[in-house]
């Protein structure tokens, strides 16, 4: 499956490079939702919430009320997880809290079937708090012990995020071998060859920069997505 990404910052749809530098702004959130209407599910990330700089709650609620959305950003306690579900999120994505005692409580609140855990890797280590802090863990080390709390993993190869230089298919292949849970790949996915290679591994693709710049034509992705139905 293909998940177009709508990343929110300061009330706008944006794309960042490696989670730091804003590279571009998209159309208004509702216009982006219309543009992606052929896809069955959208990935929405509240970047301000992820970085602890506020929230885009009204936009999240608007998007989640009009499309099936997996939503993340700043989910560090049960209250935030519950609020996203109440706003209409189909599934909730948790990153930083997956490495704290709060994970067990959040999973109990949402149910593992509605929780995705983000494993974001930079320089080989998992990064948290909006990709600002590195942990001592690798994704391969922790993926199996996190399985009981979720129904899938969103795995981002941060080293290539937003750079349109391709992604690390070998990293995703190792992760695929490590778990039977659903995996969604993100970070540097640039070509249809990347998308097809991930599909052959039974890995979904979350697409941002390549989609927004036209490097991956929307029509080709829509056609590929329909072929998977």
Protein backbone atom coordinates (compact mmCIF):
# COMPACT_ATOMS: atom_id res chain seq x y z
CA UNK A 1 0.00 0.00 0.00
CA UNK A 2 1.05 3.59 -0.64
CA UNK A 3 0.49 6.28 1.98
CA UNK A 4 0.81 9.90 0.80
CA UNK A 5 2.14 12.08 3.64
CA UNK A 6 0.67 15.33 4.91
CA UNK A 7 3.14 16.89 7.36
CA UNK A 8 1.84 19.91 9.28
CA UNK A 9 3.86 22.84 10.63
CA UNK A 10 2.58 26.29 11.59
CA UNK A 11 -0.78 25.47 10.03
CA UNK A 12 0.76 24.60 6.67
CA UNK A 13 1.62 21.46 4.74
CA UNK A 14 5.40 21.21 4.50
CA UNK A 15 8.24 18.91 3.56
CA UNK A 16 11.46 18.93 5.56
CA UNK A 17 14.92 17.57 4.80
CA UNK A 18 16.06 15.19 7.55
CA UNK A 19 13.48 16.67 9.87
CA UNK A 20 15.28 20.03 10.07
CA UNK A 21 15.15 22.33 7.07
CA UNK A 22 11.90 23.24 5.35
CA UNK A 23 12.31 22.50 1.65
CA UNK A 24 8.86 23.38 0.40
CA UNK A 25 5.24 24.08 1.25
CA UNK A 26 2.38 22.15 -0.28
CA UNK A 27 -1.10 23.35 -1.10
CA UNK A 28 -3.65 23.97 1.64
CA UNK A 29 -4.36 20.83 3.72
CA UNK A 30 -7.82 20.30 2.21
CA UNK A 31 -6.44 20.70 -1.31
CA UNK A 32 -3.74 18.12 -0.57
CA UNK A 33 -6.37 15.75 0.78
CA UNK A 34 -8.34 16.15 -2.45
CA UNK A 35 -5.18 15.57 -4.48
CA UNK A 36 -4.57 12.29 -2.63
CA UNK A 37 -8.21 11.15 -2.73
CA UNK A 38 -7.43 8.07 -4.86
CA UNK A 39 -5.44 6.52 -2.01
CA UNK A 40 -7.31 4.61 0.70
CA UNK A 41 -5.34 6.02 3.64
CA UNK A 42 -3.27 9.14 4.35
CA UNK A 43 -0.39 9.59 6.80
CA UNK A 44 -0.67 12.80 8.82
CA UNK A 45 2.19 13.99 11.05
CA UNK A 46 1.90 17.03 13.29
CA UNK A 47 5.51 18.21 13.22
CA UNK A 48 4.93 21.00 15.73
CA UNK A 49 3.60 18.48 18.25
CA UNK A 50 6.52 16.13 17.53
CA UNK A 51 8.99 18.91 18.27
CA UNK A 52 7.09 20.20 21.30
CA UNK A 53 6.27 23.53 19.63
CA UNK A 54 2.48 23.47 19.77
CA UNK A 55 -0.13 21.55 17.82
CA UNK A 56 -2.20 21.66 14.64
CA UNK A 57 -5.23 20.02 16.25
CA UNK A 58 -7.92 21.72 14.17
CA UNK A 59 -6.23 20.65 10.92
CA UNK A 60 -5.69 17.10 12.19
CA UNK A 61 -9.35 16.84 13.13
CA UNK A 62 -10.46 18.25 9.79
CA UNK A 63 -8.29 15.81 7.83
CA UNK A 64 -9.22 12.81 9.96
CA UNK A 65 -12.91 13.60 9.60
CA UNK A 66 -12.70 13.53 5.81
CA UNK A 67 -10.31 10.64 5.13
CA UNK A 68 -8.95 7.51 6.72
CA UNK A 69 -5.78 8.75 8.43
CA UNK A 70 -2.94 7.36 10.47
CA UNK A 71 -1.84 10.25 12.68
CA UNK A 72 1.32 10.91 14.68
CA UNK A 73 3.35 13.65 16.27
CA UNK A 74 3.84 14.27 19.98
CA UNK A 75 1.99 11.15 21.16
CA UNK A 76 3.73 10.81 24.51
CA UNK A 77 0.82 10.00 26.82
CA UNK A 78 -2.61 8.40 26.82
CA UNK A 79 -4.39 11.77 26.72
CA UNK A 80 -2.82 12.70 23.38
CA UNK A 81 -3.46 9.24 21.94
CA UNK A 82 -7.10 9.34 23.03
CA UNK A 83 -7.53 12.86 21.65
CA UNK A 84 -6.29 11.78 18.21
CA UNK A 85 -8.68 8.83 18.19
CA UNK A 86 -11.52 11.10 19.25
CA UNK A 87 -10.58 13.48 16.43
CA UNK A 88 -11.08 10.63 13.98
CA UNK A 89 -7.65 9.04 13.54
CA UNK A 90 -7.92 5.48 12.26
CA UNK A 91 -4.56 4.60 13.80
CA UNK A 92 -2.14 6.44 16.06
CA UNK A 93 1.62 6.60 15.52
CA UNK A 94 3.87 6.73 18.59
CA UNK A 95 7.62 7.37 18.44
CA UNK A 96 9.42 8.81 21.46
CA UNK A 97 7.02 7.22 23.97
CA UNK A 98 7.79 3.76 22.59
CA UNK A 99 11.01 3.96 24.58
CA UNK A 100 9.39 5.04 27.85
CA UNK A 101 7.08 3.35 30.36
CA UNK A 102 4.19 5.28 28.79
CA UNK A 103 4.08 2.82 25.87
CA UNK A 104 2.24 0.16 27.84
CA UNK A 105 -0.41 2.67 28.95
CA UNK A 106 -0.83 4.12 25.44
CA UNK A 107 -1.22 0.64 23.94
CA UNK A 108 -3.83 -0.20 26.56
CA UNK A 109 -5.70 3.01 25.72
CA UNK A 110 -5.73 2.58 21.94
CA UNK A 111 -5.49 -1.18 21.68
CA UNK A 112 -2.42 -2.60 19.89
CA UNK A 113 -4.48 -2.97 16.70
CA UNK A 114 -4.78 0.82 16.41
CA UNK A 115 -1.19 1.65 17.34
CA UNK A 116 1.81 1.98 15.03
CA UNK A 117 5.31 2.41 16.46
CA UNK A 118 7.74 4.70 14.64
CA UNK A 119 11.29 3.41 14.39
CA UNK A 120 13.27 6.32 12.96
CA UNK A 121 16.92 5.60 12.23
CA UNK A 122 19.78 8.06 11.75
CA UNK A 123 23.44 7.05 11.62
CA UNK A 124 22.30 3.56 12.55
CA UNK A 125 20.56 4.57 15.80
CA UNK A 126 16.94 5.24 16.62
CA UNK A 127 16.23 8.95 17.05
CA UNK A 128 13.40 10.47 19.09
CA UNK A 129 11.87 13.84 20.08
CA UNK A 130 11.31 14.98 16.52
CA UNK A 131 14.56 13.28 15.47
CA UNK A 132 16.53 15.64 17.71
CA UNK A 133 17.94 13.04 20.12
CA UNK A 134 19.68 9.73 19.42
CA UNK A 135 19.14 6.61 21.53
CA UNK A 136 21.56 3.75 22.02
CA UNK A 137 19.32 1.31 20.15
CA UNK A 138 19.12 0.10 16.58
CA UNK A 139 15.76 -0.70 15.04
CA UNK A 140 16.80 -4.32 14.56
CA UNK A 141 17.51 -4.65 18.29
CA UNK A 142 14.11 -3.46 19.51
CA UNK A 143 11.56 -4.34 16.85
CA UNK A 144 10.63 -7.76 18.23
CA UNK A 145 10.22 -6.66 21.84
CA UNK A 146 7.88 -3.88 20.73
CA UNK A 147 5.59 -6.20 18.77
CA UNK A 148 3.10 -6.88 21.62
CA UNK A 149 2.19 -3.18 21.85
CA UNK A 150 1.34 -2.46 18.22
CA UNK A 151 0.07 -3.83 14.93
CA UNK A 152 2.81 -2.37 12.76
CA UNK A 153 5.90 -0.22 12.43
CA UNK A 154 6.60 3.02 10.55
CA UNK A 155 10.31 2.81 9.79
CA UNK A 156 12.00 5.97 8.53
CA UNK A 157 15.54 6.01 7.15
CA UNK A 158 16.26 9.55 8.33
CA UNK A 159 19.70 9.72 6.68
CA UNK A 160 17.98 10.06 3.30
CA UNK A 161 14.75 11.75 4.38
CA UNK A 162 13.71 14.42 1.87
CA UNK A 163 16.95 14.17 -0.11
CA UNK A 164 15.58 12.20 -3.09
CA UNK A 165 18.72 10.08 -3.30
CA UNK A 166 17.03 6.72 -2.87
CA UNK A 167 16.62 4.79 0.34
CA UNK A 168 18.43 1.88 2.04
CA UNK A 169 16.60 -1.20 0.78
CA UNK A 170 18.99 -3.49 2.66
CA UNK A 171 17.98 -1.89 5.97
CA UNK A 172 14.33 -2.49 5.19
CA UNK A 173 15.13 -6.05 4.15
CA UNK A 174 16.72 -6.69 7.56
CA UNK A 175 13.71 -5.22 9.33
CA UNK A 176 11.35 -7.34 7.24
CA UNK A 177 13.27 -10.43 8.33
CA UNK A 178 13.02 -9.38 11.98
CA UNK A 179 9.23 -9.12 12.33
CA UNK A 180 5.98 -10.45 10.91
CA UNK A 181 4.19 -7.22 11.78
CA UNK A 182 3.20 -4.74 9.09
CA UNK A 183 6.03 -2.40 8.06
CA UNK A 184 5.71 0.98 6.34
CA UNK A 185 8.91 2.41 4.88
CA UNK A 186 9.72 6.11 4.69
CA UNK A 187 12.79 8.23 4.01
CA UNK A 188 14.38 8.74 0.61
CA UNK A 189 11.93 6.72 -1.44
CA UNK A 190 12.46 8.35 -4.83
CA UNK A 191 11.58 6.09 -7.76
CA UNK A 192 9.00 3.54 -8.81
CA UNK A 193 11.79 0.97 -8.58
CA UNK A 194 12.07 1.81 -4.85
CA UNK A 195 8.30 1.44 -4.43
CA UNK A 196 8.22 -1.87 -6.31
CA UNK A 197 11.22 -3.26 -4.42
CA UNK A 198 9.52 -2.48 -1.11
CA UNK A 199 6.27 -4.02 -2.30
CA UNK A 200 8.13 -7.21 -3.23
CA UNK A 201 9.35 -7.33 0.39
CA UNK A 202 5.74 -6.90 1.59
CA UNK A 203 6.52 -3.40 2.87
CA UNK A 204 4.26 -0.37 2.42
CA UNK A 205 5.62 3.01 1.29
CA UNK A 206 4.94 6.41 2.88
CA UNK A 207 5.78 9.09 0.31
CA UNK A 208 6.56 12.75 0.79
CA UNK A 209 9.20 14.77 -1.02
CA UNK A 210 9.27 12.73 -4.23
CA UNK A 211 5.49 13.03 -4.46
CA UNK A 212 5.38 16.77 -3.74
CA UNK A 213 8.10 17.61 -6.26
CA UNK A 214 6.65 15.42 -9.00
CA UNK A 215 9.68 13.13 -9.06
CA UNK A 216 7.16 10.35 -8.48
CA UNK A 217 4.18 11.24 -10.70
CA UNK A 218 0.86 10.99 -8.90
CA UNK A 219 -0.74 9.22 -11.87
CA UNK A 220 1.86 6.42 -11.84
CA UNK A 221 1.42 5.93 -8.10
CA UNK A 222 -2.35 5.86 -8.41
CA UNK A 223 -2.09 3.27 -11.16
CA UNK A 224 0.30 1.15 -9.09
CA UNK A 225 -1.92 1.44 -6.01
CA UNK A 226 -4.95 0.28 -8.02
CA UNK A 227 -3.00 -2.70 -9.31
CA UNK A 228 -2.55 -3.84 -5.70
CA UNK A 229 -6.27 -3.87 -4.92
